[in-house]
């Protein structure tokens, strides 16, 4: 059985460009200094889809209800996990283990999670 080493569980409300910048200060990442993997718990799946020429990647949009009753939205990309699409349903509660990074597309920047594994609760 494979074991995924998670550096820390973090609250979704801490996800920010500033946190990504802080983590990136520990670069360069590679053998002997791997990029940290964080655990985000109790996200609610909004929607999801496969992507890529062979539908072998999975994009998950989720939200997290913060203490002030507002929602924080999380975009998660799961490379080579398209076959796990059938595990998800809108409204599911999931935990995601992954690395955080900035995604830049068409002049827009947002924090995204690069999924290493996820579990439907």
N, C-alpha and C. Protein backbone atom coordinates (compact mmCIF):
# COMPACT_ATOMS: atom_id res chain seq x y z
N UNK A 1 0.84 -1.18 0.00
CA UNK A 1 0.00 0.00 0.00
C UNK A 1 0.89 1.25 0.00
N UNK A 2 0.60 2.14 -0.92
CA UNK A 2 1.37 3.39 -1.01
C UNK A 2 0.96 4.34 0.11
N UNK A 3 1.93 5.07 0.61
CA UNK A 3 1.67 6.07 1.64
C UNK A 3 2.11 7.42 1.11
N UNK A 4 1.25 8.41 1.23
CA UNK A 4 1.54 9.76 0.77
C UNK A 4 1.91 10.59 1.99
N UNK A 5 3.10 11.17 1.96
CA UNK A 5 3.56 11.98 3.09
C UNK A 5 3.04 13.41 2.93
N UNK A 6 2.26 13.84 3.90
CA UNK A 6 1.68 15.18 3.91
C UNK A 6 2.44 16.00 4.93
N UNK A 7 2.84 17.22 4.53
CA UNK A 7 3.60 18.08 5.45
C UNK A 7 2.72 18.61 6.57
N UNK A 8 1.50 19.05 6.21
CA UNK A 8 0.62 19.64 7.21
C UNK A 8 -0.80 19.74 6.67
N UNK A 9 -1.75 19.71 7.59
CA UNK A 9 -3.12 20.05 7.23
C UNK A 9 -3.24 21.55 7.36
N UNK A 10 -3.81 22.19 6.33
CA UNK A 10 -4.00 23.64 6.40
C UNK A 10 -5.46 23.96 6.16
N UNK A 11 -5.88 25.04 6.75
CA UNK A 11 -7.24 25.51 6.55
C UNK A 11 -7.36 26.14 5.18
N UNK A 12 -8.45 25.90 4.51
CA UNK A 12 -8.66 26.44 3.17
C UNK A 12 -8.60 27.96 3.17
N UNK A 13 -9.02 28.59 4.25
CA UNK A 13 -8.99 30.05 4.26
C UNK A 13 -7.57 30.62 4.26
N UNK A 14 -6.55 29.78 4.44
CA UNK A 14 -5.16 30.23 4.35
C UNK A 14 -4.62 30.21 2.92
N UNK A 15 -5.34 29.56 2.01
CA UNK A 15 -4.88 29.50 0.62
C UNK A 15 -4.83 30.91 0.03
N UNK A 16 -3.65 31.31 -0.41
CA UNK A 16 -3.49 32.64 -0.98
C UNK A 16 -2.21 32.68 -1.80
N UNK A 17 -2.08 33.71 -2.61
CA UNK A 17 -0.84 33.90 -3.36
C UNK A 17 0.32 34.11 -2.40
N UNK A 18 0.07 34.74 -1.26
CA UNK A 18 1.12 34.96 -0.28
C UNK A 18 1.65 33.63 0.27
N UNK A 19 0.75 32.68 0.53
CA UNK A 19 1.19 31.37 1.03
C UNK A 19 2.01 30.65 -0.04
N UNK A 20 1.58 30.72 -1.29
CA UNK A 20 2.34 30.10 -2.37
C UNK A 20 3.73 30.72 -2.45
N UNK A 21 3.82 32.04 -2.34
CA UNK A 21 5.12 32.72 -2.37
C UNK A 21 6.01 32.29 -1.21
N UNK A 22 5.42 32.14 -0.05
CA UNK A 22 6.17 31.69 1.12
C UNK A 22 6.73 30.29 0.90
N UNK A 23 5.91 29.39 0.40
CA UNK A 23 6.36 28.02 0.12
C UNK A 23 7.46 28.03 -0.93
N UNK A 24 7.31 28.87 -1.95
CA UNK A 24 8.29 28.93 -3.04
C UNK A 24 9.65 29.44 -2.59
N UNK A 25 9.72 30.09 -1.43
CA UNK A 25 11.01 30.54 -0.90
C UNK A 25 11.91 29.36 -0.54
N UNK A 26 11.34 28.17 -0.40
CA UNK A 26 12.12 26.98 -0.07
C UNK A 26 12.64 26.27 -1.31
N UNK A 27 12.37 26.82 -2.49
CA UNK A 27 12.85 26.26 -3.76
C UNK A 27 14.37 26.41 -3.83
N UNK A 28 15.05 25.67 -4.66
CA UNK A 28 14.50 24.81 -5.71
C UNK A 28 14.04 23.47 -5.14
N UNK A 29 12.97 22.97 -5.73
CA UNK A 29 12.42 21.69 -5.32
C UNK A 29 12.94 20.59 -6.24
N UNK A 30 13.09 19.44 -5.70
CA UNK A 30 13.58 18.30 -6.46
C UNK A 30 13.95 17.19 -5.49
N UNK A 31 14.79 16.29 -5.94
CA UNK A 31 15.21 15.18 -5.09
C UNK A 31 15.90 15.73 -3.85
N UNK A 32 15.46 15.29 -2.68
CA UNK A 32 16.02 15.76 -1.43
C UNK A 32 15.33 17.01 -0.89
N UNK A 33 14.53 17.67 -1.69
CA UNK A 33 13.77 18.84 -1.26
C UNK A 33 12.48 18.90 -2.07
N UNK A 34 11.58 17.97 -1.78
CA UNK A 34 10.35 17.92 -2.55
C UNK A 34 9.40 19.03 -2.14
N UNK A 35 8.58 19.42 -3.09
CA UNK A 35 7.58 20.46 -2.83
C UNK A 35 6.60 19.93 -1.78
N UNK A 36 6.26 20.74 -0.77
CA UNK A 36 5.38 20.23 0.30
C UNK A 36 3.97 19.92 -0.19
N UNK A 37 3.42 18.88 0.40
CA UNK A 37 2.06 18.45 0.13
C UNK A 37 1.21 18.80 1.35
N UNK A 38 0.10 19.50 1.09
CA UNK A 38 -0.79 19.92 2.15
C UNK A 38 -2.11 19.18 2.07
N UNK A 39 -2.76 19.02 3.21
CA UNK A 39 -4.06 18.37 3.28
C UNK A 39 -5.12 19.44 3.50
N UNK A 40 -6.12 19.46 2.63
CA UNK A 40 -7.27 20.35 2.75
C UNK A 40 -8.49 19.46 3.00
N UNK A 41 -9.15 19.68 4.12
CA UNK A 41 -10.25 18.80 4.50
C UNK A 41 -11.61 19.48 4.35
N UNK A 42 -12.60 18.62 4.13
CA UNK A 42 -14.01 19.03 4.13
C UNK A 42 -14.36 20.07 3.07
N UNK A 43 -13.85 19.84 1.87
CA UNK A 43 -14.26 20.66 0.73
C UNK A 43 -15.54 20.08 0.17
N UNK A 44 -16.41 20.92 -0.37
CA UNK A 44 -17.64 20.45 -0.99
C UNK A 44 -17.50 20.56 -2.50
N UNK A 45 -17.68 19.45 -3.19
CA UNK A 45 -17.55 19.42 -4.64
C UNK A 45 -18.68 20.23 -5.27
N UNK A 46 -18.30 21.18 -6.14
CA UNK A 46 -19.29 21.95 -6.91
C UNK A 46 -19.51 21.25 -8.25
N UNK A 47 -18.42 21.10 -8.99
CA UNK A 47 -18.48 20.38 -10.26
C UNK A 47 -17.10 19.83 -10.58
N UNK A 48 -17.04 19.05 -11.64
CA UNK A 48 -15.80 18.38 -12.01
C UNK A 48 -15.93 17.94 -13.46
N UNK A 49 -14.80 17.73 -14.09
CA UNK A 49 -14.80 17.24 -15.47
C UNK A 49 -13.43 16.68 -15.80
N UNK A 50 -13.43 15.82 -16.80
CA UNK A 50 -12.14 15.37 -17.31
C UNK A 50 -11.69 16.36 -18.36
N UNK A 51 -10.40 16.36 -18.61
CA UNK A 51 -9.85 17.24 -19.63
C UNK A 51 -8.62 16.58 -20.24
N UNK A 52 -8.15 17.17 -21.30
CA UNK A 52 -7.02 16.60 -22.03
C UNK A 52 -7.52 15.81 -23.22
N UNK A 53 -6.63 15.59 -24.15
CA UNK A 53 -6.99 14.90 -25.39
C UNK A 53 -7.61 13.52 -25.13
N UNK A 54 -7.11 12.85 -24.10
CA UNK A 54 -7.61 11.50 -23.80
C UNK A 54 -8.48 11.49 -22.54
N UNK A 55 -8.92 12.65 -22.09
CA UNK A 55 -9.71 12.76 -20.86
C UNK A 55 -9.04 12.10 -19.67
N UNK A 56 -7.73 12.21 -19.61
CA UNK A 56 -7.01 11.52 -18.54
C UNK A 56 -6.67 12.42 -17.35
N UNK A 57 -7.10 13.69 -17.39
CA UNK A 57 -6.88 14.59 -16.27
C UNK A 57 -8.24 14.98 -15.70
N UNK A 58 -8.24 15.39 -14.45
CA UNK A 58 -9.48 15.70 -13.75
C UNK A 58 -9.39 17.10 -13.17
N UNK A 59 -10.39 17.91 -13.43
CA UNK A 59 -10.49 19.25 -12.86
C UNK A 59 -11.65 19.26 -11.87
N UNK A 60 -11.37 19.66 -10.63
CA UNK A 60 -12.38 19.67 -9.58
C UNK A 60 -12.54 21.11 -9.08
N UNK A 61 -13.76 21.59 -9.08
CA UNK A 61 -14.09 22.88 -8.46
C UNK A 61 -14.85 22.58 -7.18
N UNK A 62 -14.37 23.16 -6.08
CA UNK A 62 -14.95 22.88 -4.78
C UNK A 62 -15.07 24.18 -3.99
N UNK A 63 -15.78 24.11 -2.89
CA UNK A 63 -15.90 25.27 -2.00
C UNK A 63 -15.78 24.81 -0.56
N UNK A 64 -15.46 25.78 0.27
CA UNK A 64 -15.28 25.53 1.70
C UNK A 64 -16.00 26.63 2.46
N UNK A 65 -16.86 26.25 3.39
CA UNK A 65 -17.59 27.24 4.18
C UNK A 65 -16.72 27.68 5.36
N UNK A 66 -16.38 28.96 5.38
CA UNK A 66 -15.52 29.50 6.42
C UNK A 66 -16.35 29.86 7.65
N UNK A 67 -15.66 30.22 8.73
CA UNK A 67 -16.34 30.51 9.99
C UNK A 67 -17.30 31.70 9.88
N UNK A 68 -17.02 32.63 8.98
CA UNK A 68 -17.90 33.79 8.82
C UNK A 68 -19.07 33.49 7.87
N UNK A 69 -19.26 32.20 7.56
CA UNK A 69 -20.33 31.69 6.69
C UNK A 69 -20.18 32.09 5.23
N UNK A 70 -19.04 32.67 4.84
CA UNK A 70 -18.76 32.92 3.44
C UNK A 70 -18.05 31.69 2.88
N UNK A 71 -18.05 31.58 1.56
CA UNK A 71 -17.40 30.44 0.92
C UNK A 71 -16.09 30.86 0.28
N UNK A 72 -15.11 29.99 0.36
CA UNK A 72 -13.86 30.14 -0.38
C UNK A 72 -13.86 29.03 -1.43
N UNK A 73 -13.53 29.41 -2.65
CA UNK A 73 -13.58 28.46 -3.76
C UNK A 73 -12.18 27.95 -4.07
N UNK A 74 -12.12 26.66 -4.39
CA UNK A 74 -10.84 25.99 -4.64
C UNK A 74 -10.90 25.29 -5.99
N UNK A 75 -9.88 25.55 -6.80
CA UNK A 75 -9.72 24.86 -8.07
C UNK A 75 -8.61 23.84 -7.88
N UNK A 76 -8.89 22.59 -8.24
CA UNK A 76 -7.90 21.52 -8.07
C UNK A 76 -7.75 20.76 -9.38
N UNK A 77 -6.51 20.54 -9.77
CA UNK A 77 -6.21 19.81 -11.00
C UNK A 77 -5.53 18.50 -10.61
N UNK A 78 -6.06 17.39 -11.12
CA UNK A 78 -5.53 16.06 -10.80
C UNK A 78 -5.00 15.44 -12.09
N UNK A 79 -3.70 15.59 -12.31
CA UNK A 79 -3.08 15.03 -13.52
C UNK A 79 -3.15 13.52 -13.49
N UNK A 80 -3.49 12.92 -14.61
CA UNK A 80 -3.55 11.46 -14.81
C UNK A 80 -4.50 10.76 -13.81
N UNK A 81 -5.57 11.44 -13.41
CA UNK A 81 -6.57 10.83 -12.52
C UNK A 81 -7.96 10.85 -13.13
N UNK A 82 -8.05 11.01 -14.44
CA UNK A 82 -9.34 11.06 -15.10
C UNK A 82 -10.21 9.85 -14.86
N UNK A 83 -9.57 8.70 -14.64
CA UNK A 83 -10.33 7.47 -14.41
C UNK A 83 -11.08 7.49 -13.08
N UNK A 84 -10.78 8.45 -12.21
CA UNK A 84 -11.44 8.54 -10.91
C UNK A 84 -12.69 9.43 -10.94
N UNK A 85 -13.07 9.86 -12.13
CA UNK A 85 -14.25 10.71 -12.30
C UNK A 85 -15.49 10.12 -11.63
N UNK A 86 -15.67 8.83 -11.77
CA UNK A 86 -16.88 8.17 -11.26
C UNK A 86 -16.96 8.18 -9.72
N UNK A 87 -15.88 8.52 -9.04
CA UNK A 87 -15.88 8.58 -7.58
C UNK A 87 -16.56 9.84 -7.05
N UNK A 88 -16.75 10.83 -7.93
CA UNK A 88 -17.23 12.15 -7.50
C UNK A 88 -18.69 12.39 -7.86
N UNK A 89 -19.35 13.14 -7.00
CA UNK A 89 -20.70 13.63 -7.24
C UNK A 89 -20.79 15.05 -6.71
N UNK A 90 -21.56 15.92 -7.38
CA UNK A 90 -21.74 17.27 -6.84
C UNK A 90 -22.30 17.20 -5.42
N UNK A 91 -21.74 18.03 -4.55
CA UNK A 91 -22.17 18.05 -3.16
C UNK A 91 -21.36 17.15 -2.24
N UNK A 92 -20.56 16.23 -2.82
CA UNK A 92 -19.72 15.37 -1.99
C UNK A 92 -18.76 16.19 -1.13
N UNK A 93 -18.47 15.68 0.04
CA UNK A 93 -17.41 16.24 0.87
C UNK A 93 -16.14 15.46 0.56
N UNK A 94 -15.05 16.18 0.25
CA UNK A 94 -13.79 15.51 -0.06
C UNK A 94 -12.64 16.14 0.70
N UNK A 95 -11.61 15.34 0.90
CA UNK A 95 -10.33 15.80 1.41
C UNK A 95 -9.35 15.68 0.26
N UNK A 96 -8.51 16.71 0.10
CA UNK A 96 -7.55 16.72 -1.00
C UNK A 96 -6.15 16.91 -0.43
N UNK A 97 -5.23 16.06 -0.87
CA UNK A 97 -3.81 16.22 -0.56
C UNK A 97 -3.13 16.69 -1.84
N UNK A 98 -2.42 17.81 -1.75
CA UNK A 98 -1.78 18.31 -2.95
C UNK A 98 -0.84 19.46 -2.70
N UNK A 99 -0.22 19.89 -3.77
CA UNK A 99 0.71 21.01 -3.74
C UNK A 99 -0.03 22.26 -4.20
N UNK A 100 0.38 23.40 -3.69
CA UNK A 100 -0.28 24.64 -4.08
C UNK A 100 0.62 25.41 -5.04
N UNK A 101 -0.03 26.08 -5.99
CA UNK A 101 0.71 26.87 -6.96
C UNK A 101 -0.18 27.96 -7.52
N UNK A 102 0.44 28.88 -8.25
CA UNK A 102 -0.30 29.92 -8.95
C UNK A 102 -0.55 29.45 -10.37
N UNK A 103 -1.79 29.55 -10.81
CA UNK A 103 -2.14 29.26 -12.20
C UNK A 103 -2.39 30.60 -12.89
N UNK A 104 -1.70 30.81 -14.01
CA UNK A 104 -1.91 32.02 -14.80
C UNK A 104 -2.48 31.62 -16.15
N UNK A 105 -3.65 32.20 -16.49
CA UNK A 105 -4.30 31.86 -17.75
C UNK A 105 -5.04 33.10 -18.24
N UNK A 106 -4.77 33.50 -19.45
CA UNK A 106 -5.42 34.66 -20.06
C UNK A 106 -5.34 35.91 -19.18
N UNK A 107 -4.19 36.13 -18.57
CA UNK A 107 -3.99 37.31 -17.75
C UNK A 107 -4.58 37.25 -16.36
N UNK A 108 -5.18 36.11 -15.99
CA UNK A 108 -5.77 35.95 -14.66
C UNK A 108 -4.90 35.03 -13.83
N UNK A 109 -4.75 35.36 -12.57
CA UNK A 109 -3.96 34.55 -11.63
C UNK A 109 -4.87 34.02 -10.53
N UNK A 110 -4.71 32.76 -10.21
CA UNK A 110 -5.42 32.21 -9.07
C UNK A 110 -4.62 31.06 -8.47
N UNK A 111 -4.88 30.80 -7.21
CA UNK A 111 -4.23 29.70 -6.52
C UNK A 111 -4.96 28.42 -6.91
N UNK A 112 -4.19 27.39 -7.23
CA UNK A 112 -4.80 26.10 -7.50
C UNK A 112 -4.04 25.02 -6.74
N UNK A 113 -4.72 23.91 -6.54
CA UNK A 113 -4.13 22.77 -5.87
C UNK A 113 -3.83 21.71 -6.92
N UNK A 114 -2.61 21.22 -6.92
CA UNK A 114 -2.24 20.11 -7.80
C UNK A 114 -2.40 18.84 -6.96
N UNK A 115 -3.43 18.10 -7.28
CA UNK A 115 -3.85 16.96 -6.46
C UNK A 115 -2.87 15.80 -6.58
N UNK A 116 -2.46 15.28 -5.44
CA UNK A 116 -1.69 14.04 -5.40
C UNK A 116 -2.61 12.87 -5.08
N UNK A 117 -3.66 13.16 -4.28
CA UNK A 117 -4.68 12.14 -3.96
C UNK A 117 -5.88 12.86 -3.36
N UNK A 118 -7.04 12.20 -3.43
CA UNK A 118 -8.22 12.74 -2.77
C UNK A 118 -9.05 11.60 -2.23
N UNK A 119 -9.87 11.93 -1.27
CA UNK A 119 -10.74 10.93 -0.65
C UNK A 119 -12.13 11.54 -0.48
N UNK A 120 -13.13 10.81 -0.95
CA UNK A 120 -14.52 11.24 -0.76
C UNK A 120 -14.94 10.75 0.61
N UNK A 121 -15.53 11.66 1.38
CA UNK A 121 -15.93 11.30 2.76
C UNK A 121 -17.35 10.77 2.81
